[in-house]
Amino acid sequence: MAKRQGRQGIPTNLSVVQFERFVLPHLSKGSRGPATQLSFHAIFNYILRLLYLGCQWKELPIEKDRQGRAEIHYARIYRAFRRWQADGCFDAIFEGSVRKLRQDDRLDITVIHGDGTTTAAKKGGDNVGFNGHKGLKGDKVVALRDRHCNVIAPFVTAPGNRNESPPLREALPQLTRIARAVGLDLRGTIVSLDGVA
């Protein structure tokens, strides 16, 4: 019988120990330009906060010093995000998290669920839900999860007015790539597509 897992939250603030263990080994360090005054740990937590809030970069809440100056400009966080994205750091972090779940025997891939959903764009305040029937602005997201609801392949997104079939065709090779990288054997696995049009 599979182990029962507790409820998991979305990480928005990693401790230094978590960051150094799971994230730092996969981050590229810039070789040119001035050294950042803020640690990679703080910059990465700002990125997590932005992804959680869904706000624009310039709206990211940044800590201020006693004189009211921001400890870092949002553009520097954005540049770090773009560099890490281009260098494949986020893919390596994701792959490392799936590998850790496998090592801890927390994956159950007897059935993989492919869930299609739409995320509304957070633009213009609280009226998005009210006027959504006029033409939803947002993304279609296809997430592939194991039986314990662990996401085991990166999200694939598409504009909100499309069905999930094209993103699904992109998501399945991602699943295969991750499985091969972490040593998962997908033979005999059932793929259940819930809500994927």
N, C-alpha and C. Protein backbone atom coordinates (compact mmCIF):
# COMPACT_ATOMS: atom_id res chain seq x y z
N MET A 1 0.84 -1.18 0.00
CA MET A 1 0.00 0.00 0.00
C MET A 1 0.89 1.25 0.00
N ALA A 2 0.52 2.24 -0.80
CA ALA A 2 1.32 3.45 -0.93
C ALA A 2 1.25 4.28 0.35
N LYS A 3 2.37 4.98 0.62
CA LYS A 3 2.40 5.84 1.80
C LYS A 3 1.49 7.04 1.58
N ARG A 4 0.83 7.45 2.63
CA ARG A 4 -0.03 8.62 2.56
C ARG A 4 0.81 9.86 2.89
N GLN A 5 0.65 10.90 2.06
CA GLN A 5 1.43 12.11 2.26
C GLN A 5 0.60 13.20 2.88
N GLY A 6 1.27 14.06 3.63
CA GLY A 6 0.60 15.24 4.16
C GLY A 6 0.40 16.29 3.08
N ARG A 7 -0.41 17.26 3.37
CA ARG A 7 -0.68 18.34 2.43
C ARG A 7 0.58 19.18 2.23
N GLN A 8 0.84 19.54 0.99
CA GLN A 8 2.02 20.31 0.67
C GLN A 8 1.63 21.70 0.21
N GLY A 9 2.35 22.70 0.68
CA GLY A 9 2.11 24.07 0.25
C GLY A 9 3.06 24.45 -0.88
N ILE A 10 2.75 25.56 -1.52
CA ILE A 10 3.63 26.07 -2.56
C ILE A 10 4.75 26.83 -1.88
N PRO A 11 6.02 26.46 -2.13
CA PRO A 11 7.12 27.15 -1.44
C PRO A 11 7.24 28.59 -1.94
N THR A 12 7.25 29.54 -1.04
CA THR A 12 7.42 30.94 -1.41
C THR A 12 8.58 31.59 -0.68
N ASN A 13 9.18 30.87 0.25
CA ASN A 13 10.29 31.43 1.01
C ASN A 13 11.17 30.29 1.52
N LEU A 14 12.19 29.95 0.76
CA LEU A 14 13.08 28.86 1.16
C LEU A 14 14.04 29.32 2.24
N SER A 15 14.31 28.43 3.18
CA SER A 15 15.34 28.73 4.17
C SER A 15 16.71 28.64 3.50
N VAL A 16 17.73 29.16 4.17
CA VAL A 16 19.09 29.09 3.62
C VAL A 16 19.51 27.64 3.42
N VAL A 17 19.17 26.78 4.38
CA VAL A 17 19.54 25.36 4.28
C VAL A 17 18.86 24.71 3.08
N GLN A 18 17.55 24.96 2.89
CA GLN A 18 16.83 24.40 1.74
C GLN A 18 17.42 24.93 0.44
N PHE A 19 17.70 26.23 0.39
CA PHE A 19 18.24 26.83 -0.81
C PHE A 19 19.60 26.23 -1.17
N GLU A 20 20.48 26.12 -0.17
CA GLU A 20 21.82 25.60 -0.44
C GLU A 20 21.80 24.13 -0.81
N ARG A 21 20.81 23.40 -0.34
CA ARG A 21 20.73 21.97 -0.63
C ARG A 21 20.09 21.68 -1.99
N PHE A 22 18.99 22.37 -2.29
CA PHE A 22 18.20 22.01 -3.48
C PHE A 22 18.36 22.95 -4.66
N VAL A 23 18.76 24.20 -4.43
CA VAL A 23 18.74 25.18 -5.51
C VAL A 23 20.13 25.63 -5.92
N LEU A 24 20.95 26.06 -4.96
CA LEU A 24 22.25 26.65 -5.27
C LEU A 24 23.13 25.79 -6.18
N PRO A 25 23.19 24.46 -6.00
CA PRO A 25 24.04 23.67 -6.88
C PRO A 25 23.66 23.76 -8.36
N HIS A 26 22.44 24.17 -8.66
CA HIS A 26 21.98 24.20 -10.05
C HIS A 26 22.01 25.60 -10.67
N LEU A 27 22.33 26.62 -9.89
CA LEU A 27 22.31 27.99 -10.41
C LEU A 27 23.64 28.36 -11.05
N SER A 28 23.55 29.05 -12.19
CA SER A 28 24.76 29.57 -12.82
C SER A 28 25.12 30.89 -12.14
N LYS A 29 26.41 31.10 -11.99
CA LYS A 29 26.90 32.32 -11.37
C LYS A 29 27.45 33.21 -12.49
N GLY A 30 27.03 34.45 -12.54
CA GLY A 30 27.50 35.36 -13.59
C GLY A 30 29.00 35.57 -13.52
N SER A 31 29.64 35.64 -14.67
CA SER A 31 31.09 35.81 -14.70
C SER A 31 31.50 37.24 -15.03
N ARG A 32 30.52 38.06 -15.47
CA ARG A 32 30.83 39.44 -15.84
C ARG A 32 29.94 40.39 -15.05
N GLY A 33 30.32 41.64 -15.05
CA GLY A 33 29.51 42.65 -14.40
C GLY A 33 29.76 42.71 -12.90
N PRO A 34 29.15 43.70 -12.26
CA PRO A 34 29.37 43.85 -10.81
C PRO A 34 28.69 42.72 -10.03
N ALA A 35 29.31 42.39 -8.92
CA ALA A 35 28.72 41.36 -8.04
C ALA A 35 27.45 41.92 -7.42
N THR A 36 26.46 41.06 -7.27
CA THR A 36 25.21 41.50 -6.66
C THR A 36 25.40 41.72 -5.17
N GLN A 37 24.76 42.77 -4.64
CA GLN A 37 24.87 43.06 -3.22
C GLN A 37 23.96 42.16 -2.40
N LEU A 38 22.94 41.60 -3.05
CA LEU A 38 21.99 40.73 -2.38
C LEU A 38 22.36 39.28 -2.70
N SER A 39 22.20 38.40 -1.75
CA SER A 39 22.57 37.00 -1.96
C SER A 39 21.65 36.33 -2.98
N PHE A 40 22.15 35.26 -3.61
CA PHE A 40 21.32 34.48 -4.53
C PHE A 40 20.09 33.94 -3.81
N HIS A 41 20.25 33.62 -2.54
CA HIS A 41 19.14 33.11 -1.75
C HIS A 41 17.99 34.12 -1.71
N ALA A 42 18.31 35.39 -1.43
CA ALA A 42 17.28 36.44 -1.37
C ALA A 42 16.67 36.67 -2.74
N ILE A 43 17.50 36.69 -3.78
CA ILE A 43 16.99 36.91 -5.15
C ILE A 43 16.05 35.78 -5.54
N PHE A 44 16.44 34.54 -5.25
CA PHE A 44 15.60 33.40 -5.60
C PHE A 44 14.27 33.44 -4.86
N ASN A 45 14.29 33.85 -3.59
CA ASN A 45 13.03 33.97 -2.84
C ASN A 45 12.14 35.05 -3.42
N TYR A 46 12.73 36.14 -3.93
CA TYR A 46 11.92 37.16 -4.61
C TYR A 46 11.26 36.57 -5.86
N ILE A 47 11.99 35.74 -6.58
CA ILE A 47 11.42 35.10 -7.78
C ILE A 47 10.27 34.18 -7.38
N LEU A 48 10.44 33.40 -6.33
CA LEU A 48 9.36 32.54 -5.85
C LEU A 48 8.14 33.36 -5.46
N ARG A 49 8.38 34.48 -4.80
CA ARG A 49 7.27 35.33 -4.38
C ARG A 49 6.51 35.88 -5.59
N LEU A 50 7.26 36.30 -6.61
CA LEU A 50 6.62 36.82 -7.81
C LEU A 50 5.78 35.75 -8.51
N LEU A 51 6.33 34.54 -8.61
CA LEU A 51 5.59 33.45 -9.26
C LEU A 51 4.33 33.12 -8.48
N TYR A 52 4.41 33.19 -7.16
CA TYR A 52 3.24 32.90 -6.33
C TYR A 52 2.18 33.99 -6.47
N LEU A 53 2.62 35.24 -6.44
CA LEU A 53 1.67 36.36 -6.50
C LEU A 53 1.09 36.56 -7.90
N GLY A 54 1.87 36.24 -8.93
CA GLY A 54 1.41 36.44 -10.30
C GLY A 54 1.38 37.90 -10.71
N CYS A 55 2.15 38.73 -10.03
CA CYS A 55 2.15 40.17 -10.33
C CYS A 55 3.20 40.47 -11.40
N GLN A 56 3.20 41.70 -11.86
CA GLN A 56 4.23 42.15 -12.79
C GLN A 56 5.52 42.39 -12.01
N TRP A 57 6.65 42.38 -12.72
CA TRP A 57 7.93 42.55 -12.05
C TRP A 57 7.99 43.86 -11.28
N LYS A 58 7.50 44.93 -11.88
CA LYS A 58 7.61 46.24 -11.22
C LYS A 58 6.69 46.34 -10.00
N GLU A 59 5.73 45.42 -9.85
CA GLU A 59 4.84 45.41 -8.70
C GLU A 59 5.31 44.48 -7.58
N LEU A 60 6.44 43.83 -7.78
CA LEU A 60 6.96 42.89 -6.79
C LEU A 60 7.27 43.64 -5.48
N PRO A 61 6.70 43.19 -4.35
CA PRO A 61 6.99 43.87 -3.08
C PRO A 61 8.42 43.59 -2.62
N ILE A 62 9.23 44.64 -2.60
CA ILE A 62 10.65 44.52 -2.25
C ILE A 62 10.89 45.21 -0.91
N GLU A 63 11.67 44.55 -0.05
CA GLU A 63 11.98 45.10 1.27
C GLU A 63 12.71 46.43 1.13
N LYS A 64 12.47 47.33 2.10
CA LYS A 64 13.10 48.64 2.08
C LYS A 64 13.97 48.82 3.33
N ASP A 65 15.01 49.65 3.19
CA ASP A 65 15.85 49.96 4.35
C ASP A 65 15.23 51.10 5.16
N ARG A 66 15.95 51.60 6.16
CA ARG A 66 15.40 52.64 7.04
C ARG A 66 15.14 53.95 6.31
N GLN A 67 15.88 54.19 5.24
CA GLN A 67 15.68 55.41 4.46
C GLN A 67 14.57 55.25 3.41
N GLY A 68 13.97 54.08 3.35
CA GLY A 68 12.89 53.84 2.39
C GLY A 68 13.34 53.42 1.00
N ARG A 69 14.62 53.08 0.87
CA ARG A 69 15.14 52.63 -0.43
C ARG A 69 15.00 51.11 -0.55
N ALA A 70 14.61 50.68 -1.73
CA ALA A 70 14.48 49.24 -1.97
C ALA A 70 15.85 48.58 -1.90
N GLU A 71 15.91 47.37 -1.32
CA GLU A 71 17.20 46.70 -1.19
C GLU A 71 17.77 46.24 -2.52
N ILE A 72 16.93 46.12 -3.53
CA ILE A 72 17.37 45.76 -4.87
C ILE A 72 16.29 46.26 -5.85
N HIS A 73 16.71 46.60 -7.03
CA HIS A 73 15.74 47.03 -8.06
C HIS A 73 15.15 45.79 -8.71
N TYR A 74 13.87 45.86 -9.04
CA TYR A 74 13.21 44.68 -9.62
C TYR A 74 13.88 44.23 -10.92
N ALA A 75 14.49 45.15 -11.66
CA ALA A 75 15.13 44.79 -12.94
C ALA A 75 16.30 43.84 -12.72
N ARG A 76 17.01 43.98 -11.60
CA ARG A 76 18.13 43.07 -11.33
C ARG A 76 17.62 41.66 -11.02
N ILE A 77 16.48 41.58 -10.33
CA ILE A 77 15.87 40.26 -10.07
C ILE A 77 15.43 39.65 -11.39
N TYR A 78 14.82 40.47 -12.24
CA TYR A 78 14.36 39.98 -13.55
C TYR A 78 15.54 39.48 -14.38
N ARG A 79 16.67 40.21 -14.37
CA ARG A 79 17.85 39.78 -15.14
C ARG A 79 18.38 38.44 -14.63
N ALA A 80 18.39 38.27 -13.30
CA ALA A 80 18.83 36.98 -12.74
C ALA A 80 17.88 35.87 -13.18
N PHE A 81 16.57 36.15 -13.13
CA PHE A 81 15.57 35.18 -13.57
C PHE A 81 15.80 34.77 -15.02
N ARG A 82 15.99 35.76 -15.91
CA ARG A 82 16.19 35.47 -17.33
C ARG A 82 17.48 34.68 -17.57
N ARG A 83 18.55 35.02 -16.84
CA ARG A 83 19.82 34.30 -17.01
C ARG A 83 19.66 32.85 -16.58
N TRP A 84 19.04 32.64 -15.41
CA TRP A 84 18.86 31.28 -14.92
C TRP A 84 17.93 30.49 -15.83
N GLN A 85 16.94 31.15 -16.39
CA GLN A 85 16.04 30.49 -17.32
C GLN A 85 16.78 30.07 -18.59
N ALA A 86 17.57 30.99 -19.15
CA ALA A 86 18.32 30.70 -20.37
C ALA A 86 19.37 29.62 -20.16
N ASP A 87 19.95 29.58 -18.96
CA ASP A 87 20.99 28.57 -18.67
C ASP A 87 20.42 27.21 -18.29
N GLY A 88 19.10 27.07 -18.23
CA GLY A 88 18.48 25.79 -17.89
C GLY A 88 18.50 25.47 -16.40
N CYS A 89 18.74 26.48 -15.57
CA CYS A 89 18.83 26.25 -14.13
C CYS A 89 17.52 25.77 -13.53
N PHE A 90 16.41 26.35 -13.98
CA PHE A 90 15.11 25.97 -13.41
C PHE A 90 14.76 24.53 -13.77
N ASP A 91 15.12 24.11 -14.99
CA ASP A 91 14.90 22.71 -15.38
C ASP A 91 15.73 21.79 -14.49
N ALA A 92 16.97 22.18 -14.20
CA ALA A 92 17.83 21.35 -13.35
C ALA A 92 17.30 21.28 -11.93
N ILE A 93 16.76 22.41 -11.41
CA ILE A 93 16.18 22.42 -10.07
C ILE A 93 14.96 21.49 -10.03
N PHE A 94 14.12 21.58 -11.05
CA PHE A 94 12.93 20.73 -11.11
C PHE A 94 13.32 19.26 -11.16
N GLU A 95 14.27 18.94 -12.03
CA GLU A 95 14.74 17.56 -12.15
C GLU A 95 15.30 17.06 -10.82
N GLY A 96 16.04 17.92 -10.13
CA GLY A 96 16.59 17.55 -8.82
C GLY A 96 15.51 17.27 -7.80
N SER A 97 14.39 18.04 -7.86
CA SER A 97 13.31 17.81 -6.89
C SER A 97 12.61 16.48 -7.16
N VAL A 98 12.43 16.13 -8.44
CA VAL A 98 11.81 14.84 -8.77
C VAL A 98 12.75 13.70 -8.36
N ARG A 99 14.05 13.90 -8.57
CA ARG A 99 15.03 12.88 -8.16
C ARG A 99 14.97 12.66 -6.65
N LYS A 100 14.86 13.75 -5.89
CA LYS A 100 14.78 13.64 -4.42
C LYS A 100 13.52 12.91 -3.99
N LEU A 101 12.38 13.20 -4.63
CA LEU A 101 11.14 12.48 -4.33
C LEU A 101 11.31 10.99 -4.60
N ARG A 102 11.99 10.66 -5.69
CA ARG A 102 12.20 9.24 -6.01
C ARG A 102 13.11 8.58 -4.99
N GLN A 103 14.19 9.27 -4.60
CA GLN A 103 15.12 8.70 -3.62
C GLN A 103 14.44 8.47 -2.27
N ASP A 104 13.49 9.36 -1.93
CA ASP A 104 12.78 9.23 -0.65
C ASP A 104 11.57 8.29 -0.76
N ASP A 105 11.41 7.65 -1.90
CA ASP A 105 10.31 6.71 -2.14
C ASP A 105 8.94 7.37 -1.93
N ARG A 106 8.81 8.59 -2.46
CA ARG A 106 7.55 9.33 -2.30
C ARG A 106 6.77 9.43 -3.61
N LEU A 107 7.22 8.75 -4.64
CA LEU A 107 6.51 8.77 -5.92
C LEU A 107 5.72 7.49 -6.11
N ASP A 108 4.54 7.62 -6.67
CA ASP A 108 3.72 6.47 -7.07
C ASP A 108 3.28 6.72 -8.51
N ILE A 109 3.99 6.10 -9.45
CA ILE A 109 3.71 6.37 -10.86
C ILE A 109 2.90 5.24 -11.51
N THR A 110 2.16 4.48 -10.70
CA THR A 110 1.30 3.46 -11.30
C THR A 110 0.25 4.12 -12.19
N VAL A 111 -0.18 5.33 -11.78
CA VAL A 111 -1.08 6.13 -12.60
C VAL A 111 -0.54 7.55 -12.63
N ILE A 112 -0.42 8.12 -13.81
CA ILE A 112 -0.03 9.51 -13.95
C ILE A 112 -1.24 10.28 -14.46
N HIS A 113 -1.59 11.33 -13.74
CA HIS A 113 -2.74 12.15 -14.10
C HIS A 113 -2.28 13.35 -14.90
N GLY A 114 -2.91 13.54 -16.05
CA GLY A 114 -2.66 14.73 -16.86
C GLY A 114 -3.84 15.65 -16.73
N ASP A 115 -3.68 16.71 -15.96
CA ASP A 115 -4.78 17.64 -15.70
C ASP A 115 -4.64 18.88 -16.54
N GLY A 116 -5.71 19.23 -17.25
CA GLY A 116 -5.75 20.48 -18.00
C GLY A 116 -6.58 21.49 -17.24
N THR A 117 -6.08 22.69 -17.13
CA THR A 117 -6.80 23.75 -16.44
C THR A 117 -6.48 25.08 -17.09
N THR A 118 -7.23 26.10 -16.74
CA THR A 118 -6.97 27.44 -17.24
C THR A 118 -6.68 28.35 -16.07
N THR A 119 -5.60 29.11 -16.17
CA THR A 119 -5.29 30.09 -15.14
C THR A 119 -5.62 31.47 -15.67
N ALA A 120 -6.45 32.19 -14.97
CA ALA A 120 -6.82 33.54 -15.41
C ALA A 120 -5.67 34.49 -15.18
N ALA A 121 -5.45 35.39 -16.14
CA ALA A 121 -4.41 36.38 -15.99
C ALA A 121 -4.79 37.37 -14.90
N LYS A 122 -3.82 37.73 -14.08
CA LYS A 122 -4.10 38.68 -13.00
C LYS A 122 -3.80 40.08 -13.51
N LYS A 123 -4.71 40.62 -14.27
CA LYS A 123 -4.52 41.96 -14.82
C LYS A 123 -5.81 42.73 -14.63
N GLY A 124 -5.72 43.89 -14.05
CA GLY A 124 -6.91 44.72 -13.93
C GLY A 124 -7.70 44.50 -12.67
N GLY A 125 -7.18 43.76 -11.70
CA GLY A 125 -7.87 43.66 -10.41
C GLY A 125 -8.83 42.52 -10.31
N ASP A 126 -9.90 42.74 -9.54
CA ASP A 126 -10.80 41.66 -9.15
C ASP A 126 -11.87 41.32 -10.17
N ASN A 127 -11.93 42.03 -11.27
CA ASN A 127 -13.03 41.82 -12.21
C ASN A 127 -12.77 40.73 -13.23
N VAL A 128 -11.61 40.07 -13.14
CA VAL A 128 -11.29 39.04 -14.13
C VAL A 128 -12.34 37.95 -14.14
N GLY A 129 -12.75 37.48 -12.96
CA GLY A 129 -13.76 36.43 -12.91
C GLY A 129 -15.10 36.88 -13.45
N PHE A 130 -15.44 38.13 -13.22
CA PHE A 130 -16.73 38.65 -13.64
C PHE A 130 -16.85 38.73 -15.15
N ASN A 131 -15.80 39.20 -15.82
CA ASN A 131 -15.91 39.36 -17.26
C ASN A 131 -15.23 38.23 -18.02
N GLY A 132 -14.95 37.12 -17.32
CA GLY A 132 -14.26 36.02 -17.98
C GLY A 132 -15.02 35.42 -19.15
N HIS A 133 -16.36 35.48 -19.11
CA HIS A 133 -17.14 34.90 -20.19
C HIS A 133 -16.99 35.67 -21.49
N LYS A 134 -16.46 36.89 -21.43
CA LYS A 134 -16.32 37.70 -22.63
C LYS A 134 -15.07 37.32 -23.42
N GLY A 135 -14.25 36.53 -22.87
CA GLY A 135 -13.01 36.12 -23.52
C GLY A 135 -11.92 36.05 -22.48
N LEU A 136 -11.68 34.87 -21.96
CA LEU A 136 -10.75 34.68 -20.86
C LEU A 136 -9.33 34.97 -21.32
N LYS A 137 -8.66 35.80 -20.57
CA LYS A 137 -7.25 36.05 -20.82
C LYS A 137 -6.47 35.27 -19.77
N GLY A 138 -5.58 34.45 -20.22
CA GLY A 138 -4.82 33.62 -19.29
C GLY A 138 -4.13 32.51 -20.05
N ASP A 139 -3.77 31.47 -19.35
CA ASP A 139 -3.05 30.35 -19.95
C ASP A 139 -3.75 29.05 -19.69
N LYS A 140 -3.69 28.17 -20.68
CA LYS A 140 -4.03 26.77 -20.47
C LYS A 140 -2.78 26.11 -19.92
N VAL A 141 -2.95 25.31 -18.90
CA VAL A 141 -1.81 24.63 -18.27
C VAL A 141 -2.09 23.15 -18.25
N VAL A 142 -1.13 22.36 -18.67
CA VAL A 142 -1.22 20.90 -18.55
C VAL A 142 -0.16 20.47 -17.54
N ALA A 143 -0.61 19.83 -16.46
CA ALA A 143 0.30 19.35 -15.43
C ALA A 143 0.21 17.83 -15.35
N LEU A 144 1.35 17.17 -15.34
CA LEU A 144 1.40 15.72 -15.18
C LEU A 144 1.84 15.41 -13.75
N ARG A 145 0.97 14.66 -13.01
CA ARG A 145 1.18 14.38 -11.60
C ARG A 145 1.15 12.88 -11.33
N ASP A 146 1.84 12.46 -10.27
CA ASP A 146 1.75 11.07 -9.85
C ASP A 146 0.52 10.90 -8.96
N ARG A 147 0.34 9.71 -8.37
CA ARG A 147 -0.86 9.44 -7.55
C ARG A 147 -0.88 10.23 -6.25
N HIS A 148 0.28 10.76 -5.83
CA HIS A 148 0.34 11.56 -4.61
C HIS A 148 0.26 13.06 -4.93
N CYS A 149 -0.09 13.39 -6.16
CA CYS A 149 -0.22 14.79 -6.63
C CYS A 149 1.11 15.52 -6.73
N ASN A 150 2.23 14.80 -6.78
CA ASN A 150 3.51 15.45 -7.05
C ASN A 150 3.60 15.74 -8.54
N VAL A 151 3.90 16.96 -8.90
CA VAL A 151 4.08 17.31 -10.31
C VAL A 151 5.42 16.74 -10.74
N ILE A 152 5.41 15.87 -11.76
CA ILE A 152 6.64 15.18 -12.14
C ILE A 152 7.13 15.55 -13.53
N ALA A 153 6.49 16.52 -14.16
CA ALA A 153 6.98 17.06 -15.43
C ALA A 153 6.68 18.55 -15.43
N PRO A 154 7.54 19.36 -16.02
CA PRO A 154 7.30 20.82 -16.02
C PRO A 154 5.97 21.17 -16.66
N PHE A 155 5.33 22.22 -16.14
CA PHE A 155 4.08 22.71 -16.74
C PHE A 155 4.32 23.11 -18.18
N VAL A 156 3.35 22.81 -19.02
CA VAL A 156 3.35 23.30 -20.39
C VAL A 156 2.14 24.20 -20.54
N THR A 157 2.35 25.41 -21.07
CA THR A 157 1.27 26.38 -21.16
C THR A 157 1.00 26.76 -22.60
N ALA A 158 -0.20 27.28 -22.83
CA ALA A 158 -0.61 27.78 -24.14
C ALA A 158 -1.62 28.89 -23.89
N PRO A 159 -1.86 29.76 -24.89
CA PRO A 159 -2.86 30.80 -24.70
C PRO A 159 -4.20 30.23 -24.28
N GLY A 160 -4.95 30.97 -23.45
CA GLY A 160 -6.16 30.47 -22.82
C GLY A 160 -7.28 30.09 -23.74
N ASN A 161 -7.26 30.53 -24.99
CA ASN A 161 -8.37 30.20 -25.89
C ASN A 161 -8.12 28.95 -26.72
N ARG A 162 -7.07 28.18 -26.39
CA ARG A 162 -6.79 26.94 -27.12
C ARG A 162 -7.14 25.74 -26.25
N ASN A 163 -7.36 24.59 -26.90
CA ASN A 163 -7.57 23.39 -26.09
C ASN A 163 -6.21 22.84 -25.64
N GLU A 164 -6.26 21.81 -24.79
CA GLU A 164 -5.02 21.32 -24.18
C GLU A 164 -4.28 20.29 -25.02
N SER A 165 -4.82 19.90 -26.16
CA SER A 165 -4.17 18.84 -26.94
C SER A 165 -2.76 19.21 -27.39
N PRO A 166 -2.54 20.42 -27.97
CA PRO A 166 -1.16 20.74 -28.35
C PRO A 166 -0.20 20.78 -27.16
N PRO A 167 -0.59 21.42 -26.01
CA PRO A 167 0.33 21.37 -24.87
C PRO A 167 0.59 19.95 -24.37
N LEU A 168 -0.42 19.08 -24.46
CA LEU A 168 -0.23 17.71 -24.02
C LEU A 168 0.85 17.02 -24.85
N ARG A 169 0.85 17.29 -26.16
CA ARG A 169 1.88 16.69 -27.02
C ARG A 169 3.28 17.17 -26.65
N GLU A 170 3.38 18.37 -26.05
CA GLU A 170 4.67 18.86 -25.57
C GLU A 170 4.99 18.32 -24.18
N ALA A 171 3.94 18.07 -23.37
CA ALA A 171 4.15 17.65 -21.98
C ALA A 171 4.65 16.21 -21.91
N LEU A 172 4.16 15.33 -22.77
CA LEU A 172 4.55 13.92 -22.70
C LEU A 172 6.05 13.71 -22.93
N PRO A 173 6.67 14.38 -23.93
CA PRO A 173 8.13 14.24 -24.05
C PRO A 173 8.89 14.78 -22.84
N GLN A 174 8.34 15.83 -22.20
CA GLN A 174 8.97 16.34 -20.98
C GLN A 174 8.94 15.28 -19.88
N LEU A 175 7.81 14.59 -19.78
CA LEU A 175 7.69 13.51 -18.79
C LEU A 175 8.72 12.42 -19.07
N THR A 176 8.85 12.04 -20.33
CA THR A 176 9.82 11.01 -20.71
C THR A 176 11.25 11.45 -20.38
N ARG A 177 11.55 12.70 -20.67
CA ARG A 177 12.90 13.23 -20.40
C ARG A 177 13.21 13.20 -18.91
N ILE A 178 12.27 13.67 -18.07
CA ILE A 178 12.48 13.67 -16.62
C ILE A 178 12.62 12.25 -16.11
N ALA A 179 11.75 11.35 -16.58
CA ALA A 179 11.79 9.95 -16.12
C ALA A 179 13.15 9.33 -16.45
N ARG A 180 13.65 9.58 -17.64
CA ARG A 180 14.94 9.03 -18.04
C ARG A 180 16.06 9.63 -17.17
N ALA A 181 15.97 10.93 -16.89
CA ALA A 181 17.03 11.61 -16.13
C ALA A 181 17.11 11.11 -14.69
N VAL A 182 15.97 10.80 -14.09
CA VAL A 182 15.97 10.39 -12.67
C VAL A 182 15.86 8.88 -12.50
N GLY A 183 15.80 8.14 -13.60
CA GLY A 183 15.78 6.68 -13.52
C GLY A 183 14.43 6.06 -13.22
N LEU A 184 13.33 6.73 -13.65
CA LEU A 184 11.99 6.16 -13.47
C LEU A 184 11.65 5.27 -14.66
N ASP A 185 11.09 4.12 -14.39
CA ASP A 185 10.64 3.21 -15.43
C ASP A 185 9.13 3.40 -15.61
N LEU A 186 8.73 3.93 -16.77
CA LEU A 186 7.32 4.23 -17.01
C LEU A 186 6.56 3.07 -17.66
N ARG A 187 7.23 1.93 -17.88
CA ARG A 187 6.51 0.80 -18.47
C ARG A 187 5.43 0.31 -17.52
N GLY A 188 4.23 0.14 -18.03
CA GLY A 188 3.10 -0.30 -17.21
C GLY A 188 2.37 0.84 -16.53
N THR A 189 2.86 2.06 -16.70
CA THR A 189 2.19 3.21 -16.10
C THR A 189 0.95 3.57 -16.91
N ILE A 190 -0.13 3.86 -16.23
CA ILE A 190 -1.37 4.31 -16.88
C ILE A 190 -1.39 5.83 -16.85
N VAL A 191 -1.67 6.44 -18.00
CA VAL A 191 -1.77 7.89 -18.07
C VAL A 191 -3.24 8.24 -18.17
N SER A 192 -3.74 8.94 -17.14
CA SER A 192 -5.15 9.35 -17.09
C SER A 192 -5.22 10.84 -17.39
N LEU A 193 -6.02 11.20 -18.39
CA LEU A 193 -6.12 12.60 -18.80
C LEU A 193 -7.44 13.17 -18.32
N ASP A 194 -7.38 13.92 -17.22
CA ASP A 194 -8.60 14.49 -16.63
C ASP A 194 -8.77 15.92 -17.12
N GLY A 195 -9.83 16.18 -17.81
CA GLY A 195 -10.13 17.53 -18.25
C GLY A 195 -9.27 18.03 -19.37
N VAL A 196 -8.55 17.13 -20.05
CA VAL A 196 -7.74 17.55 -21.18
C VAL A 196 -8.55 17.39 -22.44
N ALA A 197 -8.85 18.50 -23.12
CA ALA A 197 -9.71 18.46 -24.31
C ALA A 197 -8.92 18.08 -25.53
